[in-house]
Structures are given as structure tokens and as C-alpha cells.
Amino acid sequence: MKTLKKNKLLIAVALAYIAVAIFSRQMALDSVKSSGYYIKEMLLVMPVVFMMIVFIETWIPKKKIAEYLGEDSGIKGTVFSFLLGSLSAGPVYAAFPLCNMLLKKGASVKNVVIIIGAWAVIKIPMLANEGRFLGFEFMMIRWVMTVPMIYIMAFIMGKAVKKGDIEKQQDLL
């Protein structure tokens, strides 16, 4: 029973594949191929992310994380969070374990939301490609409109969600 409860998401996904296969075999095969692609991508990306986490866990003291990304880090923490997220590479799901570790080491919810938001939509490599394909003006307007929204969202999340709430949710999983 404990194993079933622990793997409920995996079981739900397997049941969803079976349900799709009952109605459309081709759609189920396409879904399995698509999932395989993403699993392969994750297997390539996640080892690097886990190495970064180990590096940060081992070499950067909790005090420094709290100083640069903590509740009292102020504008320095906000700027550092935007830089950290913008300079990242890889898919946004790679940010989640890193941000979880930063939260545990003293980063504020607001700064973690900024990192995730910047990682998702204002990465430097993405901006370069966006400017190349959609034009510099499009890129700048989107960037100027996106950055304040990330900050507003992070500010609201920082007020609405407490670290203790996140830890309680993690305990339930």
C-alpha cells in the first residue's frame, strides 16, 4: 500500500496511457514516443543540474545564500536572482531542484520565483534567438513587459506563500 501511495503519479500516468490506447492505438504510440523524447532529454540535462546542486551544497555556505538570496537581501537579491535565471541554460524544469535546494539553504520565496521566471522567459540564449527570428524590437518590447511582471508575480508569491507551506507540501509527496 505504501509503495502504491508513493508512486501514485506514475500509476496515474500509466493508467492514462492505457486509457488512451483503448481509444486510439496511434495516439498512445505517439504519446509514448513523445514521453521517450522528454525522458531522454531529462537524462541528458539532469546529471549536470545535480552536479551544480552538489557544488552549491558543498562549496557555498548557507550564510552566503541567505545573504545574496534571502529575505533580507533586498535589491541585491532581486538583481542577483534575475541574473542567475537569465544566465541559465536548459529547460525550466532543471531550475526546480536547484531552486528547491536554494530554498532549503535560505533563499526567499520571492527570489526563487524570480529565478524560475527569468529562467523560463528571459534567458540570454533565448533572447538572442528571439531577436534573430522575430526582430530586435519584438524582443525588447517583450523583455520590457516581461521583467516587471516577473517581479510583481514574485512579490505577490513572496507575500502569499511561506517557506513552511512549501516544506509541508513536500512532506505530503
Foldseek 3Di string as FASTA:
>chain_A
DVVCQVCVVVVVVVVVLVVVCVVPVVVSVVVVVVVVVVVVLCVVPQVVLVVVLVCCVPPPALVVLCCQAAPPVPPSNLVVLLVLLQQDDDALVSLVVVLVSSVVSGGAQLSSLNSSQNVHPRHPVVLVVCCVPVNPVVSVVCVVVRNVVSNVVSVVCRVVDGSVNVVVVVVSD
